[in-house]
């Protein structure tokens, strides 16, 4: 993880987020995104890194990353991860527990 952070240090929190071997490239516009992708892919080439194409997603407006959904609206918890809580049945009876 430290090595990947060192490789992308100058771009971290500007257009790149790295978590172990997961990399997220984000941008404000399509033109900017094309430039950011070029930067990241050139870093891959310089460092002789390889990405598995089947695990890559390009030009996404919304993406799941580390249990979150990232989009232009911001970062939110993945709804699939909190469905158990949001669909928890409402209690029908009130029970009191007395601790003595």
C-alpha atoms as a PDB file:
ATOM      1  CA  UNK A   1       0.000   0.000   0.000  1.00  0.00           C
ATOM      2  CA  UNK A   2       2.792   2.426   0.882  1.00  0.00           C
ATOM      3  CA  UNK A   3       4.501   1.744  -2.422  1.00  0.00           C
ATOM      4  CA  UNK A   4       1.314   2.482  -4.400  1.00  0.00           C
ATOM      5  CA  UNK A   5       0.833   5.680  -2.394  1.00  0.00           C
ATOM      6  CA  UNK A   6       4.417   6.665  -3.211  1.00  0.00           C
ATOM      7  CA  UNK A   7       3.877   5.989  -6.925  1.00  0.00           C
ATOM      8  CA  UNK A   8       0.757   8.204  -7.048  1.00  0.00           C
ATOM      9  CA  UNK A   9       1.748  10.646  -4.262  1.00  0.00           C
ATOM     10  CA  UNK A  10       1.595  13.828  -6.357  1.00  0.00           C
ATOM     11  CA  UNK A  11      -1.926  12.950  -7.541  1.00  0.00           C
ATOM     12  CA  UNK A  12      -3.466  11.619  -4.309  1.00  0.00           C
ATOM     13  CA  UNK A  13      -6.601  13.513  -3.263  1.00  0.00           C
ATOM     14  CA  UNK A  14      -6.376  15.588  -6.451  1.00  0.00           C
ATOM     15  CA  UNK A  15      -7.562  13.005  -8.972  1.00  0.00           C
ATOM     16  CA  UNK A  16      -6.561   9.624  -7.518  1.00  0.00           C
ATOM     17  CA  UNK A  17      -7.500   7.543  -4.479  1.00  0.00           C
ATOM     18  CA  UNK A  18      -5.471   4.402  -3.749  1.00  0.00           C
ATOM     19  CA  UNK A  19      -6.445   1.629  -1.347  1.00  0.00           C
ATOM     20  CA  UNK A  20      -4.036  -1.311  -1.416  1.00  0.00           C
ATOM     21  CA  UNK A  21      -4.405  -2.330  -5.095  1.00  0.00           C
ATOM     22  CA  UNK A  22      -7.659  -0.498  -5.858  1.00  0.00           C
ATOM     23  CA  UNK A  23      -7.307   2.804  -7.684  1.00  0.00           C
ATOM     24  CA  UNK A  24     -10.056   5.353  -8.268  1.00  0.00           C
ATOM     25  CA  UNK A  25      -9.486   8.159 -10.783  1.00  0.00           C
ATOM     26  CA  UNK A  26     -11.962  11.035 -10.493  1.00  0.00           C
ATOM     27  CA  UNK A  27     -12.457  14.313 -12.354  1.00  0.00           C
ATOM     28  CA  UNK A  28     -14.815  17.242 -12.876  1.00  0.00           C
ATOM     29  CA  UNK A  29     -15.143  16.941 -16.666  1.00  0.00           C
ATOM     30  CA  UNK A  30     -14.629  14.441 -19.485  1.00  0.00           C
ATOM     31  CA  UNK A  31     -11.608  16.345 -20.771  1.00  0.00           C
ATOM     32  CA  UNK A  32     -10.038  16.445 -17.330  1.00  0.00           C
ATOM     33  CA  UNK A  33     -10.811  12.748 -16.844  1.00  0.00           C
ATOM     34  CA  UNK A  34      -9.075  11.829 -20.102  1.00  0.00           C
ATOM     35  CA  UNK A  35      -5.994  13.724 -18.875  1.00  0.00           C
ATOM     36  CA  UNK A  36      -6.117  12.083 -15.424  1.00  0.00           C
ATOM     37  CA  UNK A  37      -6.450   8.603 -16.959  1.00  0.00           C
ATOM     38  CA  UNK A  38      -3.468   9.319 -19.185  1.00  0.00           C
ATOM     39  CA  UNK A  39      -1.425  10.340 -16.117  1.00  0.00           C
ATOM     40  CA  UNK A  40      -2.374   7.169 -14.217  1.00  0.00           C
ATOM     41  CA  UNK A  41      -1.787   4.854 -17.180  1.00  0.00           C
ATOM     42  CA  UNK A  42       1.611   6.473 -17.817  1.00  0.00           C
ATOM     43  CA  UNK A  43       2.504   5.853 -14.151  1.00  0.00           C
ATOM     44  CA  UNK A  44       1.537   2.216 -14.678  1.00  0.00           C
ATOM     45  CA  UNK A  45       3.849   2.029 -17.688  1.00  0.00           C
ATOM     46  CA  UNK A  46       6.751   3.793 -15.902  1.00  0.00           C
ATOM     47  CA  UNK A  47       6.498   1.465 -12.899  1.00  0.00           C
ATOM     48  CA  UNK A  48       5.853  -1.639 -15.043  1.00  0.00           C
ATOM     49  CA  UNK A  49       2.470  -2.158 -13.384  1.00  0.00           C
ATOM     50  CA  UNK A  50      -0.379  -4.074 -14.971  1.00  0.00           C
ATOM     51  CA  UNK A  51      -4.139  -3.820 -14.517  1.00  0.00           C
ATOM     52  CA  UNK A  52      -6.522  -6.673 -15.210  1.00  0.00           C
ATOM     53  CA  UNK A  53      -8.873  -5.239 -17.836  1.00  0.00           C
ATOM     54  CA  UNK A  54     -11.838  -7.317 -16.608  1.00  0.00           C
ATOM     55  CA  UNK A  55     -11.581  -5.549 -13.227  1.00  0.00           C
ATOM     56  CA  UNK A  56     -11.411  -2.051 -14.738  1.00  0.00           C
ATOM     57  CA  UNK A  57     -14.325   0.332 -15.292  1.00  0.00           C
ATOM     58  CA  UNK A  58     -13.810   3.448 -17.372  1.00  0.00           C
ATOM     59  CA  UNK A  59     -15.906   6.588 -17.835  1.00  0.00           C
ATOM     60  CA  UNK A  60     -18.415   5.795 -15.079  1.00  0.00           C
ATOM     61  CA  UNK A  61     -20.682   8.514 -13.645  1.00  0.00           C
ATOM     62  CA  UNK A  62     -21.343   6.429 -10.541  1.00  0.00           C
ATOM     63  CA  UNK A  63     -19.206   3.641  -9.133  1.00  0.00           C
ATOM     64  CA  UNK A  64     -18.983   1.407  -6.071  1.00  0.00           C
ATOM     65  CA  UNK A  65     -15.628   1.799  -4.350  1.00  0.00           C
ATOM     66  CA  UNK A  66     -14.739   0.380  -0.927  1.00  0.00           C
ATOM     67  CA  UNK A  67     -18.333  -0.181   0.251  1.00  0.00           C
ATOM     68  CA  UNK A  68     -19.365   3.315  -0.922  1.00  0.00           C
ATOM     69  CA  UNK A  69     -21.043   4.793  -3.980  1.00  0.00           C
ATOM     70  CA  UNK A  70     -19.055   7.633  -5.519  1.00  0.00           C
ATOM     71  CA  UNK A  71     -20.731  10.053  -7.956  1.00  0.00           C
ATOM     72  CA  UNK A  72     -20.881  13.737  -8.844  1.00  0.00           C
ATOM     73  CA  UNK A  73     -23.328  14.119  -5.942  1.00  0.00           C
ATOM     74  CA  UNK A  74     -20.642  12.976  -3.502  1.00  0.00           C
ATOM     75  CA  UNK A  75     -19.863   9.839  -1.526  1.00  0.00           C
ATOM     76  CA  UNK A  76     -22.578   7.714   0.085  1.00  0.00           C
ATOM     77  CA  UNK A  77     -22.745   4.358   1.821  1.00  0.00           C
ATOM     78  CA  UNK A  78     -23.647   1.574  -0.597  1.00  0.00           C
ATOM     79  CA  UNK A  79     -27.418   1.051  -0.073  1.00  0.00           C
ATOM     80  CA  UNK A  80     -26.936  -2.701  -0.416  1.00  0.00           C
ATOM     81  CA  UNK A  81     -24.817  -2.657   2.731  1.00  0.00           C
ATOM     82  CA  UNK A  82     -27.447  -0.986   4.915  1.00  0.00           C
ATOM     83  CA  UNK A  83     -30.580  -2.717   3.594  1.00  0.00           C
ATOM     84  CA  UNK A  84     -30.699  -5.002   6.653  1.00  0.00           C
ATOM     85  CA  UNK A  85     -30.963  -1.949   8.892  1.00  0.00           C
ATOM     86  CA  UNK A  86     -33.381   0.050   6.731  1.00  0.00           C
ATOM     87  CA  UNK A  87     -35.720  -2.916   6.316  1.00  0.00           C
ATOM     88  CA  UNK A  88     -35.623  -3.968   9.962  1.00  0.00           C
ATOM     89  CA  UNK A  89     -39.202  -4.725  11.044  1.00  0.00           C
ATOM     90  CA  UNK A  90     -40.846  -2.170  13.318  1.00  0.00           C
ATOM     91  CA  UNK A  91     -41.482  -3.633  16.782  1.00  0.00           C
ATOM     92  CA  UNK A  92     -45.155  -4.395  17.444  1.00  0.00           C
ATOM     93  CA  UNK A  93     -44.936  -4.724  21.232  1.00  0.00           C
ATOM     94  CA  UNK A  94     -43.085  -2.695  23.757  1.00  0.00           C
ATOM     95  CA  UNK A  95     -41.284  -4.813  26.271  1.00  0.00           C
ATOM     96  CA  UNK A  96     -39.657  -3.589  29.443  1.00  0.00           C
ATOM     97  CA  UNK A  97     -36.682  -5.225  30.988  1.00  0.00           C
ATOM     98  CA  UNK A  98     -36.104  -4.535  34.648  1.00  0.00           C
ATOM     99  CA  UNK A  99     -32.594  -4.972  35.867  1.00  0.00           C
ATOM    100  CA  UNK A 100     -32.385  -5.580  39.579  1.00  0.00           C
END
